[in-house]
């Protein structure tokens, strides 16, 4: 708690883990590559804002028409928590990138690009 102008102010605090962050660049398109993810905490912050709540109130239903799920979506760098003592940060980064490309490959197999130049994956 902090007193500011005679009023008590409160903040949430999160202690973060050590992590690796990877900046991915698509050289063909000359664009950075980001990851889109749903984050429940970001969504709940939007719910609180829409319901004009200072503090969470148990049992208050969430109206998804006033707070769509897209309010909880973030755009992020590819990243991973350093939680495996046997692995170096570079190895964890490699795992994260490998998983991201695995997901992209699965997406590509289901929805191939319109033109071959639109893809980093070439069909065999």
N, C-alpha and C. Protein backbone atom coordinates (compact mmCIF):
# COMPACT_ATOMS: atom_id res chain seq x y z
N UNK A 1 0.85 -1.18 0.00
CA UNK A 1 0.00 0.00 0.00
C UNK A 1 0.89 1.23 0.00
N UNK A 2 0.44 2.24 -0.72
CA UNK A 2 1.13 3.51 -0.80
C UNK A 2 0.11 4.61 -0.56
N UNK A 3 0.48 5.60 0.23
CA UNK A 3 -0.40 6.75 0.42
C UNK A 3 -0.01 7.82 -0.59
N UNK A 4 -0.99 8.28 -1.34
CA UNK A 4 -0.77 9.32 -2.33
C UNK A 4 -1.91 10.32 -2.20
N UNK A 5 -1.58 11.57 -1.91
CA UNK A 5 -2.59 12.60 -1.69
C UNK A 5 -3.58 12.18 -0.61
N UNK A 6 -3.07 11.51 0.43
CA UNK A 6 -3.92 11.08 1.54
C UNK A 6 -4.80 9.87 1.25
N UNK A 7 -4.68 9.29 0.06
CA UNK A 7 -5.49 8.12 -0.30
C UNK A 7 -4.60 6.89 -0.42
N UNK A 8 -5.14 5.76 0.03
CA UNK A 8 -4.40 4.51 -0.07
C UNK A 8 -4.47 3.99 -1.50
N UNK A 9 -3.34 3.59 -2.04
CA UNK A 9 -3.26 3.02 -3.39
C UNK A 9 -2.69 1.62 -3.27
N UNK A 10 -3.25 0.69 -4.06
CA UNK A 10 -2.81 -0.70 -4.04
C UNK A 10 -2.41 -1.12 -5.45
N UNK A 11 -1.41 -1.98 -5.55
CA UNK A 11 -0.97 -2.53 -6.82
C UNK A 11 -0.86 -4.04 -6.71
N UNK A 12 -1.06 -4.71 -7.81
CA UNK A 12 -0.79 -6.14 -7.87
C UNK A 12 0.68 -6.30 -8.22
N UNK A 13 1.26 -7.34 -7.75
CA UNK A 13 2.67 -7.60 -8.00
C UNK A 13 2.82 -9.03 -8.46
N UNK A 14 3.58 -9.22 -9.51
CA UNK A 14 3.86 -10.55 -10.02
C UNK A 14 5.37 -10.71 -10.06
N UNK A 15 5.85 -11.78 -9.49
CA UNK A 15 7.27 -12.08 -9.57
C UNK A 15 7.45 -13.02 -10.76
N UNK A 16 8.24 -12.58 -11.71
CA UNK A 16 8.42 -13.34 -12.95
C UNK A 16 9.56 -14.34 -12.84
N UNK A 17 9.45 -15.38 -13.61
CA UNK A 17 10.50 -16.38 -13.72
C UNK A 17 11.57 -15.87 -14.69
N UNK A 18 12.75 -16.43 -14.59
CA UNK A 18 13.75 -16.18 -15.62
C UNK A 18 13.22 -16.77 -16.92
N UNK A 19 13.46 -16.09 -18.01
CA UNK A 19 12.92 -16.55 -19.29
C UNK A 19 13.84 -16.16 -20.43
N UNK A 20 13.62 -16.82 -21.55
CA UNK A 20 14.30 -16.44 -22.80
C UNK A 20 13.25 -15.84 -23.73
N UNK A 21 13.64 -14.83 -24.46
CA UNK A 21 12.77 -14.19 -25.44
C UNK A 21 13.49 -14.23 -26.77
N UNK A 22 12.77 -14.61 -27.81
CA UNK A 22 13.38 -14.80 -29.11
C UNK A 22 12.74 -13.85 -30.10
N UNK A 23 13.55 -13.04 -30.78
CA UNK A 23 13.05 -12.16 -31.83
C UNK A 23 13.18 -12.93 -33.14
N UNK A 24 12.04 -13.24 -33.75
CA UNK A 24 12.01 -13.99 -35.01
C UNK A 24 11.75 -13.02 -36.16
N UNK A 25 12.50 -13.18 -37.23
CA UNK A 25 12.37 -12.30 -38.40
C UNK A 25 12.24 -13.16 -39.64
N UNK A 26 11.17 -12.95 -40.40
CA UNK A 26 10.95 -13.65 -41.66
C UNK A 26 11.68 -12.85 -42.74
N UNK A 27 12.80 -13.40 -43.23
CA UNK A 27 13.62 -12.66 -44.19
C UNK A 27 12.93 -12.51 -45.54
N UNK A 28 12.08 -13.47 -45.94
CA UNK A 28 11.39 -13.37 -47.23
C UNK A 28 10.39 -12.22 -47.23
N UNK A 29 9.65 -12.11 -46.16
CA UNK A 29 8.61 -11.05 -46.05
C UNK A 29 9.12 -9.78 -45.40
N UNK A 30 10.32 -9.84 -44.83
CA UNK A 30 10.90 -8.71 -44.10
C UNK A 30 9.96 -8.24 -42.98
N UNK A 31 9.53 -9.22 -42.18
CA UNK A 31 8.58 -8.93 -41.09
C UNK A 31 8.99 -9.69 -39.83
N UNK A 32 8.72 -9.07 -38.68
CA UNK A 32 8.90 -9.75 -37.40
C UNK A 32 7.77 -10.76 -37.22
N UNK A 33 8.05 -11.84 -36.50
CA UNK A 33 7.05 -12.88 -36.23
C UNK A 33 6.72 -12.83 -34.74
N UNK A 34 5.44 -12.72 -34.43
CA UNK A 34 4.98 -12.68 -33.04
C UNK A 34 4.05 -13.86 -32.78
N UNK A 35 3.76 -14.09 -31.50
CA UNK A 35 2.86 -15.15 -31.08
C UNK A 35 1.61 -14.49 -30.50
N UNK A 36 0.44 -14.98 -30.92
CA UNK A 36 -0.83 -14.48 -30.40
C UNK A 36 -1.33 -15.50 -29.38
N UNK A 37 -1.60 -15.01 -28.14
CA UNK A 37 -2.02 -15.93 -27.07
C UNK A 37 -3.14 -15.33 -26.24
N UNK A 38 -4.02 -16.20 -25.75
CA UNK A 38 -5.04 -15.78 -24.80
C UNK A 38 -4.44 -15.82 -23.40
N UNK A 39 -4.56 -14.72 -22.67
CA UNK A 39 -4.05 -14.63 -21.31
C UNK A 39 -5.22 -14.35 -20.36
N UNK A 40 -5.57 -15.34 -19.50
CA UNK A 40 -6.71 -15.16 -18.59
C UNK A 40 -6.61 -13.92 -17.71
N UNK A 41 -5.41 -13.57 -17.25
CA UNK A 41 -5.25 -12.41 -16.39
C UNK A 41 -5.57 -11.12 -17.14
N UNK A 42 -5.16 -11.03 -18.38
CA UNK A 42 -5.47 -9.85 -19.20
C UNK A 42 -6.97 -9.77 -19.42
N UNK A 43 -7.59 -10.92 -19.68
CA UNK A 43 -9.04 -10.95 -19.88
C UNK A 43 -9.78 -10.48 -18.63
N UNK A 44 -9.35 -11.00 -17.47
CA UNK A 44 -10.03 -10.63 -16.23
C UNK A 44 -9.88 -9.14 -15.94
N UNK A 45 -8.73 -8.56 -16.27
CA UNK A 45 -8.55 -7.11 -16.09
C UNK A 45 -9.57 -6.34 -16.93
N UNK A 46 -9.85 -6.83 -18.13
CA UNK A 46 -10.84 -6.20 -19.00
C UNK A 46 -12.25 -6.36 -18.43
N UNK A 47 -12.54 -7.56 -17.87
CA UNK A 47 -13.84 -7.80 -17.24
C UNK A 47 -14.03 -6.82 -16.09
N UNK A 48 -13.02 -6.69 -15.25
CA UNK A 48 -13.10 -5.76 -14.10
C UNK A 48 -13.35 -4.34 -14.57
N UNK A 49 -12.66 -3.93 -15.63
CA UNK A 49 -12.83 -2.58 -16.17
C UNK A 49 -14.25 -2.39 -16.69
N UNK A 50 -14.76 -3.39 -17.42
CA UNK A 50 -16.11 -3.29 -17.99
C UNK A 50 -17.20 -3.32 -16.92
N UNK A 51 -16.95 -4.02 -15.81
CA UNK A 51 -17.92 -4.08 -14.72
C UNK A 51 -17.69 -2.99 -13.68
N UNK A 52 -16.66 -2.16 -13.92
CA UNK A 52 -16.32 -1.07 -13.00
C UNK A 52 -16.09 -1.59 -11.59
N UNK A 53 -15.27 -2.64 -11.48
CA UNK A 53 -14.96 -3.26 -10.18
C UNK A 53 -13.57 -2.81 -9.74
N UNK A 54 -13.44 -2.41 -8.49
CA UNK A 54 -12.12 -2.13 -7.93
C UNK A 54 -11.43 -3.42 -7.52
N UNK A 55 -12.23 -4.32 -6.96
CA UNK A 55 -11.70 -5.59 -6.48
C UNK A 55 -12.56 -6.72 -7.04
N UNK A 56 -11.97 -7.90 -7.22
CA UNK A 56 -12.76 -9.04 -7.72
C UNK A 56 -13.91 -9.36 -6.78
N UNK A 57 -15.05 -9.71 -7.36
CA UNK A 57 -16.22 -10.10 -6.57
C UNK A 57 -16.60 -11.52 -6.95
N UNK A 58 -16.42 -12.46 -6.02
CA UNK A 58 -16.77 -13.86 -6.33
C UNK A 58 -18.24 -13.99 -6.70
N UNK A 59 -18.51 -14.84 -7.66
CA UNK A 59 -19.89 -15.13 -8.05
C UNK A 59 -20.49 -14.17 -9.05
N UNK A 60 -19.76 -13.11 -9.44
CA UNK A 60 -20.28 -12.18 -10.44
C UNK A 60 -20.08 -12.82 -11.81
N UNK A 61 -21.17 -13.09 -12.55
CA UNK A 61 -21.02 -13.74 -13.85
C UNK A 61 -20.33 -12.83 -14.86
N UNK A 62 -19.62 -13.44 -15.77
CA UNK A 62 -18.95 -12.69 -16.83
C UNK A 62 -19.85 -12.70 -18.06
N UNK A 63 -20.17 -11.52 -18.53
CA UNK A 63 -21.00 -11.37 -19.73
C UNK A 63 -20.06 -11.28 -20.93
N UNK A 64 -19.97 -12.36 -21.69
CA UNK A 64 -19.02 -12.37 -22.81
C UNK A 64 -19.42 -11.44 -23.94
N UNK A 65 -20.66 -10.94 -23.95
CA UNK A 65 -21.02 -9.98 -25.00
C UNK A 65 -20.45 -8.60 -24.68
N UNK A 66 -20.28 -8.28 -23.39
CA UNK A 66 -19.67 -6.99 -23.04
C UNK A 66 -18.16 -7.11 -22.90
N UNK A 67 -17.66 -8.32 -22.72
CA UNK A 67 -16.22 -8.55 -22.63
C UNK A 67 -15.89 -9.76 -23.49
N UNK A 68 -15.64 -9.55 -24.79
CA UNK A 68 -15.33 -10.68 -25.66
C UNK A 68 -13.97 -11.30 -25.32
N UNK A 69 -13.81 -12.56 -25.66
CA UNK A 69 -12.55 -13.26 -25.38
C UNK A 69 -11.36 -12.57 -26.02
N UNK A 70 -11.58 -11.87 -27.12
CA UNK A 70 -10.47 -11.18 -27.79
C UNK A 70 -9.83 -10.12 -26.89
N UNK A 71 -10.54 -9.67 -25.85
CA UNK A 71 -9.95 -8.71 -24.90
C UNK A 71 -8.82 -9.33 -24.10
N UNK A 72 -8.71 -10.65 -24.11
CA UNK A 72 -7.64 -11.32 -23.38
C UNK A 72 -6.50 -11.80 -24.26
N UNK A 73 -6.51 -11.41 -25.53
CA UNK A 73 -5.48 -11.86 -26.47
C UNK A 73 -4.33 -10.85 -26.48
N UNK A 74 -3.12 -11.38 -26.39
CA UNK A 74 -1.93 -10.54 -26.45
C UNK A 74 -1.08 -10.93 -27.66
N UNK A 75 -0.25 -10.01 -28.09
CA UNK A 75 0.73 -10.26 -29.16
C UNK A 75 2.09 -10.20 -28.48
N UNK A 76 2.85 -11.29 -28.58
CA UNK A 76 4.09 -11.41 -27.80
C UNK A 76 5.24 -11.94 -28.65
N UNK A 77 6.44 -11.74 -28.12
CA UNK A 77 7.60 -12.42 -28.68
C UNK A 77 7.50 -13.90 -28.33
N UNK A 78 8.12 -14.74 -29.11
CA UNK A 78 8.25 -16.14 -28.76
C UNK A 78 9.13 -16.18 -27.51
N UNK A 79 8.70 -16.93 -26.48
CA UNK A 79 9.43 -16.93 -25.22
C UNK A 79 9.24 -18.26 -24.50
N UNK A 80 10.09 -18.50 -23.53
CA UNK A 80 9.98 -19.70 -22.72
C UNK A 80 10.60 -19.51 -21.36
N UNK A 81 10.00 -20.12 -20.36
CA UNK A 81 10.52 -20.05 -18.99
C UNK A 81 11.77 -20.92 -18.87
N UNK A 82 12.76 -20.41 -18.18
CA UNK A 82 13.97 -21.20 -17.90
C UNK A 82 13.68 -22.01 -16.65
N UNK A 83 13.16 -23.22 -16.86
CA UNK A 83 12.74 -24.06 -15.73
C UNK A 83 13.34 -25.45 -15.79
N UNK A 84 14.30 -25.65 -16.66
CA UNK A 84 14.96 -26.96 -16.78
C UNK A 84 16.44 -26.77 -16.48
N UNK A 85 16.87 -27.09 -15.26
CA UNK A 85 18.25 -26.84 -14.85
C UNK A 85 19.30 -27.48 -15.78
N UNK A 86 18.95 -28.58 -16.41
CA UNK A 86 19.92 -29.28 -17.26
C UNK A 86 20.12 -28.58 -18.61
N UNK A 87 19.23 -27.65 -18.97
CA UNK A 87 19.32 -26.98 -20.27
C UNK A 87 19.81 -25.55 -20.14
N UNK A 88 20.63 -25.13 -21.10
CA UNK A 88 21.08 -23.74 -21.17
C UNK A 88 19.97 -22.89 -21.80
N UNK A 89 20.05 -21.59 -21.62
CA UNK A 89 19.05 -20.67 -22.17
C UNK A 89 18.92 -20.85 -23.68
N UNK A 90 20.04 -21.05 -24.39
CA UNK A 90 19.99 -21.24 -25.84
C UNK A 90 19.22 -22.51 -26.22
N UNK A 91 19.35 -23.55 -25.44
CA UNK A 91 18.64 -24.80 -25.72
C UNK A 91 17.14 -24.63 -25.48
N UNK A 92 16.77 -23.90 -24.46
CA UNK A 92 15.35 -23.63 -24.20
C UNK A 92 14.78 -22.77 -25.32
N UNK A 93 15.53 -21.79 -25.76
CA UNK A 93 15.09 -20.95 -26.89
C UNK A 93 14.87 -21.80 -28.13
N UNK A 94 15.79 -22.74 -28.39
CA UNK A 94 15.66 -23.63 -29.54
C UNK A 94 14.40 -24.48 -29.43
N UNK A 95 14.09 -24.97 -28.22
CA UNK A 95 12.86 -25.75 -28.00
C UNK A 95 11.62 -24.91 -28.32
N UNK A 96 11.60 -23.67 -27.84
CA UNK A 96 10.44 -22.80 -28.06
C UNK A 96 10.23 -22.52 -29.54
N UNK A 97 11.31 -22.24 -30.24
CA UNK A 97 11.21 -21.95 -31.68
C UNK A 97 10.79 -23.21 -32.43
N UNK A 98 11.33 -24.36 -32.04
CA UNK A 98 10.94 -25.62 -32.69
C UNK A 98 9.45 -25.87 -32.53
N UNK A 99 8.92 -25.63 -31.33
CA UNK A 99 7.49 -25.84 -31.08
C UNK A 99 6.66 -24.87 -31.91
N UNK A 100 7.09 -23.62 -31.99
CA UNK A 100 6.37 -22.63 -32.79
C UNK A 100 6.32 -23.06 -34.26
N UNK A 101 7.45 -23.53 -34.79
CA UNK A 101 7.45 -23.96 -36.19
C UNK A 101 6.66 -25.24 -36.39
N UNK A 102 6.61 -26.11 -35.39
CA UNK A 102 5.75 -27.29 -35.45
C UNK A 102 4.29 -26.87 -35.61
N UNK A 103 3.85 -25.88 -34.80
CA UNK A 103 2.47 -25.39 -34.91
C UNK A 103 2.21 -24.75 -36.26
N UNK A 104 3.17 -23.96 -36.74
CA UNK A 104 3.02 -23.32 -38.06
C UNK A 104 2.93 -24.37 -39.16
N UNK A 105 3.74 -25.41 -39.06
CA UNK A 105 3.72 -26.46 -40.07
C UNK A 105 2.36 -27.16 -40.09
N UNK A 106 1.80 -27.46 -38.88
CA UNK A 106 0.47 -28.09 -38.81
C UNK A 106 -0.58 -27.18 -39.43
N UNK A 107 -0.50 -25.88 -39.16
CA UNK A 107 -1.44 -24.92 -39.74
C UNK A 107 -1.29 -24.89 -41.27
N UNK A 108 -0.05 -24.88 -41.73
CA UNK A 108 0.23 -24.85 -43.17
C UNK A 108 -0.36 -26.08 -43.87
N UNK A 109 -0.22 -27.25 -43.22
CA UNK A 109 -0.73 -28.48 -43.84
C UNK A 109 -2.24 -28.42 -44.02
N UNK A 110 -2.95 -27.77 -43.09
CA UNK A 110 -4.41 -27.65 -43.17
C UNK A 110 -4.85 -26.52 -44.09
N UNK A 111 -4.08 -25.43 -44.13
CA UNK A 111 -4.45 -24.24 -44.91
C UNK A 111 -3.24 -23.75 -45.70
N UNK A 112 -2.92 -24.40 -46.82
CA UNK A 112 -1.74 -24.00 -47.58
C UNK A 112 -1.89 -22.58 -48.13
N UNK A 113 -0.77 -21.87 -48.31
CA UNK A 113 -0.82 -20.51 -48.86
C UNK A 113 -1.31 -20.52 -50.30
N UNK A 114 -1.74 -19.37 -50.77
CA UNK A 114 -2.24 -19.26 -52.14
C UNK A 114 -1.11 -19.33 -53.16
N UNK A 115 0.05 -18.77 -52.79
CA UNK A 115 1.19 -18.78 -53.71
C UNK A 115 2.39 -19.39 -52.99
N UNK A 116 3.24 -20.13 -53.71
CA UNK A 116 4.40 -20.76 -53.06
C UNK A 116 5.29 -19.75 -52.35
N UNK A 117 5.39 -18.54 -52.84
CA UNK A 117 6.26 -17.54 -52.22
C UNK A 117 5.72 -17.05 -50.89
N UNK A 118 4.46 -17.41 -50.55
CA UNK A 118 3.86 -16.97 -49.29
C UNK A 118 4.25 -17.85 -48.12
N UNK A 119 5.11 -18.82 -48.34
CA UNK A 119 5.37 -19.77 -47.27
C UNK A 119 6.86 -20.01 -47.06
N UNK A 120 7.21 -20.32 -45.82
CA UNK A 120 8.58 -20.75 -45.53
C UNK A 120 8.70 -22.25 -45.72
N UNK A 121 7.58 -22.94 -45.90
CA UNK A 121 7.59 -24.39 -46.08
C UNK A 121 7.33 -24.71 -47.56
N UNK A 122 8.19 -25.49 -48.12
CA UNK A 122 8.00 -25.89 -49.52
C UNK A 122 7.47 -27.31 -49.55
N UNK A 123 6.48 -27.56 -50.37
CA UNK A 123 5.93 -28.90 -50.50
C UNK A 123 6.92 -29.80 -51.21
N UNK A 124 6.93 -31.04 -50.80
CA UNK A 124 7.84 -32.04 -51.40
C UNK A 124 7.21 -32.64 -52.63
